[in-house]
Amino acid sequence: MNTRHDHQDNEKSLFQEHSKYLPPFFAENILYLEMEVECNNVTIEVVNQLLELYRIGVEYFESIKNNKFLIFKNKTQQLLMRGTVNQCMNVAYEELKHETALKKSKHLQSHDILPPPSPKVIIPQKSQKQQELENQLKYIKEQDQKLQVNQLLEFHGFESQRVTRMHNKALQEQQDQVQIRLQRRRQQSVKIKGQKE
């Protein structure tokens, strides 16, 4: 009995020694935040605080070469896999994106940034002959595209007919096989009845 008390005292002293390096109320804070998550009172603040405490737990127990760091790694993974947590993080991310976009637009408006004046570029006018040639090329390309589309459609039609014929042929062969089997069974049943009589 005395050894049990000694063992408990050793565990207490070990915990007190370890807890020197952990934040105050480390375990209590984790428990409270985990209860919040379990009750679906999930906010980005709760998630961030819990992730930070898990990170501290992983780093601390790894530094003292204690396998308890695996518990905190698992807790981190389980927390991030929860649907409510993912939803909360997505909402927070969208809000952050929206706020960032607003800040950028306000920043641009406050500075009234105008694009630098562009030097005048003189675009040479196309001659009428060049314009006609371009129009003819455009027309030829359109006709080629129409021809290609028609050829593709025609090929598709032939291919679908071929597949339909193959399908019908296979179906007919299967039906013929079924009929042959049925005839054999009927003949066998007639023979069996004849033998019994």
Protein backbone atom coordinates (compact mmCIF):
# COMPACT_ATOMS: atom_id res chain seq x y z
CA MET A 1 0.00 0.00 0.00
CA ASN A 2 2.86 2.27 0.80
CA THR A 3 4.33 1.69 -2.66
CA ARG A 4 1.07 2.78 -4.29
CA HIS A 5 1.21 6.12 -2.44
CA ASP A 6 4.87 6.47 -3.39
CA HIS A 7 3.96 5.81 -7.04
CA GLN A 8 1.17 8.43 -6.92
CA ASP A 9 3.51 10.92 -5.28
CA ASN A 10 6.11 10.26 -7.99
CA GLU A 11 3.46 10.82 -10.69
CA LYS A 12 2.35 14.06 -9.02
CA SER A 13 5.90 15.33 -8.74
CA LEU A 14 6.58 14.35 -12.37
CA PHE A 15 3.43 16.15 -13.49
CA GLN A 16 4.33 19.20 -11.42
CA GLU A 17 7.83 19.13 -12.87
CA HIS A 18 6.47 18.86 -16.42
CA SER A 19 3.79 21.43 -15.83
CA LYS A 20 6.47 24.01 -15.05
CA TYR A 21 7.03 24.24 -18.77
CA LEU A 22 3.40 23.95 -19.90
CA PRO A 23 1.15 27.01 -19.75
CA PRO A 24 -0.93 27.39 -16.60
CA PHE A 25 -4.23 25.45 -16.68
CA PHE A 26 -3.05 23.66 -19.83
CA ALA A 27 -5.19 20.54 -19.34
CA GLU A 28 -8.22 22.49 -18.07
CA ASN A 29 -8.13 24.82 -21.08
CA ILE A 30 -7.92 21.88 -23.49
CA LEU A 31 -10.83 20.17 -21.77
CA TYR A 32 -12.96 23.33 -21.84
CA LEU A 33 -12.24 24.01 -25.53
CA GLU A 34 -12.85 20.37 -26.49
CA MET A 35 -16.21 20.54 -24.73
CA GLU A 36 -17.05 23.67 -26.73
CA VAL A 37 -16.27 21.81 -29.95
CA GLU A 38 -18.31 18.77 -28.83
CA CYS A 39 -21.29 21.04 -28.09
CA ASN A 40 -20.94 22.50 -31.62
CA ASN A 41 -20.02 25.93 -30.24
CA VAL A 42 -17.31 26.07 -32.87
CA THR A 43 -15.78 29.44 -33.65
CA ILE A 44 -12.51 30.17 -35.35
CA GLU A 45 -11.18 31.49 -32.03
CA VAL A 46 -11.95 28.20 -30.26
CA VAL A 47 -10.34 26.22 -33.10
CA ASN A 48 -7.22 28.42 -33.12
CA GLN A 49 -6.81 28.23 -29.34
CA LEU A 50 -7.24 24.45 -29.34
CA LEU A 51 -4.78 23.99 -32.21
CA GLU A 52 -2.27 26.20 -30.41
CA LEU A 53 -2.58 24.16 -27.19
CA TYR A 54 -2.19 20.92 -29.16
CA ARG A 55 0.91 22.36 -30.84
CA ILE A 56 2.37 23.27 -27.45
CA GLY A 57 1.61 19.75 -26.19
CA VAL A 58 3.30 18.15 -29.20
CA GLU A 59 6.40 20.33 -28.90
CA TYR A 60 6.68 19.93 -25.14
CA PHE A 61 6.27 16.14 -24.99
CA GLU A 62 8.53 15.67 -28.01
CA SER A 63 11.21 17.76 -26.31
CA ILE A 64 11.18 15.52 -23.22
CA LYS A 65 11.02 12.39 -25.41
CA ASN A 66 7.61 11.34 -24.10
CA ASN A 67 5.23 9.49 -26.44
CA LYS A 68 2.31 11.63 -25.24
CA PHE A 69 3.10 13.97 -28.14
CA LEU A 70 1.35 11.37 -30.36
CA ILE A 71 -1.88 11.98 -28.44
CA PHE A 72 -1.76 15.66 -29.33
CA LYS A 73 -0.90 14.91 -32.96
CA ASN A 74 -3.91 12.60 -33.17
CA LYS A 75 -6.13 15.17 -31.47
CA THR A 76 -5.01 17.77 -34.04
CA GLN A 77 -5.86 15.46 -36.94
CA GLN A 78 -9.23 14.50 -35.46
CA LEU A 79 -10.10 18.15 -34.85
CA LEU A 80 -9.25 19.13 -38.43
CA MET A 81 -11.34 16.25 -39.79
CA ARG A 82 -14.54 17.36 -38.01
CA GLY A 83 -17.16 18.73 -40.39
CA THR A 84 -18.15 21.63 -38.11
CA VAL A 85 -14.51 22.68 -37.76
CA ASN A 86 -13.95 22.56 -41.53
CA GLN A 87 -17.09 24.59 -42.10
CA CYS A 88 -16.01 27.15 -39.51
CA MET A 89 -12.54 27.42 -41.06
CA ASN A 90 -14.00 27.83 -44.56
CA VAL A 91 -16.27 30.64 -43.35
CA ALA A 92 -13.35 32.36 -41.63
CA TYR A 93 -11.22 31.99 -44.78
CA GLU A 94 -13.96 33.51 -46.97
CA GLU A 95 -14.38 36.41 -44.50
CA LEU A 96 -10.63 37.00 -44.53
CA LYS A 97 -10.59 37.01 -48.35
CA HIS A 98 -13.48 39.47 -48.39
CA GLU A 99 -11.80 41.76 -45.84
CA THR A 100 -8.53 41.67 -47.80
CA ALA A 101 -10.33 42.56 -51.02
CA LEU A 102 -12.10 45.45 -49.27
CA LYS A 103 -8.81 46.75 -47.86
CA LYS A 104 -7.19 46.60 -51.29
CA SER A 105 -10.06 48.44 -52.93
CA LYS A 106 -10.07 51.10 -50.19
CA HIS A 107 -6.30 51.46 -50.53
CA LEU A 108 -6.60 51.96 -54.28
CA GLN A 109 -9.44 54.46 -53.84
CA SER A 110 -7.57 56.46 -51.23
CA HIS A 111 -4.57 56.86 -53.51
CA ASP A 112 -6.67 57.46 -56.63
CA ILE A 113 -4.10 55.73 -58.72
CA LEU A 114 -4.51 56.52 -62.36
CA PRO A 115 -2.82 54.50 -65.03
CA PRO A 116 0.19 56.26 -66.51
CA PRO A 117 -0.59 58.16 -69.66
CA SER A 118 0.11 56.01 -72.66
CA PRO A 119 1.97 57.41 -75.60
CA LYS A 120 -0.13 57.77 -78.71
CA VAL A 121 0.21 54.78 -80.91
CA ILE A 122 -0.57 55.24 -84.55
CA ILE A 123 -2.34 52.20 -85.93
CA PRO A 124 -1.97 52.00 -89.66
CA GLN A 125 -5.25 51.62 -91.54
CA LYS A 126 -5.72 48.46 -93.56
CA SER A 127 -6.23 48.85 -97.23
CA GLN A 128 -9.50 47.73 -98.76
CA LYS A 129 -7.76 44.89 -100.61
CA GLN A 130 -6.21 43.57 -97.38
CA GLN A 131 -9.59 43.73 -95.67
CA GLU A 132 -11.21 41.76 -98.54
CA LEU A 133 -8.48 39.10 -98.37
CA GLU A 134 -8.93 38.74 -94.62
CA ASN A 135 -12.70 38.42 -95.04
CA GLN A 136 -12.22 35.73 -97.72
CA LEU A 137 -9.80 33.79 -95.50
CA LYS A 138 -12.24 34.05 -92.62
CA TYR A 139 -15.06 32.74 -94.85
CA ILE A 140 -12.90 29.83 -96.07
CA LYS A 141 -11.98 28.89 -92.47
CA GLU A 142 -15.65 28.96 -91.46
CA GLN A 143 -16.55 26.73 -94.42
CA ASP A 144 -13.73 24.32 -93.52
CA GLN A 145 -14.97 24.16 -89.96
CA LYS A 146 -18.53 23.47 -91.14
CA LEU A 147 -17.25 20.74 -93.46
CA GLN A 148 -15.26 19.16 -90.62
CA VAL A 149 -18.29 19.28 -88.33
CA ASN A 150 -20.48 17.69 -91.01
CA GLN A 151 -17.89 14.97 -91.63
CA LEU A 152 -17.67 14.26 -87.90
CA LEU A 153 -21.46 14.08 -87.64
CA GLU A 154 -21.63 11.75 -90.64
CA PHE A 155 -18.90 9.52 -89.21
CA HIS A 156 -20.68 9.48 -85.86
CA GLY A 157 -23.93 8.48 -87.59
CA PHE A 158 -22.23 5.61 -89.42
CA GLU A 159 -20.45 4.50 -86.27
CA SER A 160 -23.64 4.53 -84.19
CA GLN A 161 -25.45 2.52 -86.90
CA ARG A 162 -22.59 -0.01 -86.95
CA VAL A 163 -22.66 -0.33 -83.15
CA THR A 164 -26.46 -0.70 -83.20
CA ARG A 165 -26.20 -3.47 -85.82
CA MET A 166 -23.54 -5.28 -83.77
CA HIS A 167 -25.67 -4.91 -80.64
CA ASN A 168 -28.79 -6.22 -82.39
CA LYS A 169 -26.83 -9.15 -83.86
CA ALA A 170 -25.43 -10.10 -80.43
CA LEU A 171 -28.88 -9.77 -78.90
CA GLN A 172 -30.38 -11.99 -81.61
CA GLU A 173 -27.66 -14.60 -81.07
CA GLN A 174 -28.39 -14.62 -77.35
CA GLN A 175 -32.11 -15.02 -77.98
CA ASP A 176 -31.41 -17.88 -80.39
CA GLN A 177 -29.23 -19.59 -77.75
CA VAL A 178 -31.99 -19.21 -75.17
CA GLN A 179 -34.54 -20.71 -77.57
CA ILE A 180 -32.25 -23.67 -78.32
CA ARG A 181 -31.76 -24.34 -74.60
CA LEU A 182 -35.49 -24.13 -73.95
CA GLN A 183 -36.17 -26.62 -76.75
CA ARG A 184 -33.59 -29.03 -75.34
CA ARG A 185 -35.11 -28.80 -71.86
CA ARG A 186 -38.61 -29.40 -73.24
CA GLN A 187 -37.40 -32.42 -75.18
CA GLN A 188 -35.63 -33.78 -72.10
CA SER A 189 -38.69 -33.25 -69.93
CA VAL A 190 -40.87 -35.01 -72.54
CA LYS A 191 -38.43 -37.96 -72.62
CA ILE A 192 -38.39 -38.15 -68.83
CA LYS A 193 -42.23 -38.13 -68.70
CA GLY A 194 -42.35 -40.82 -71.40
CA GLN A 195 -39.97 -43.04 -69.46
CA LYS A 196 -41.97 -42.65 -66.24
CA GLU A 197 -45.19 -43.71 -67.91
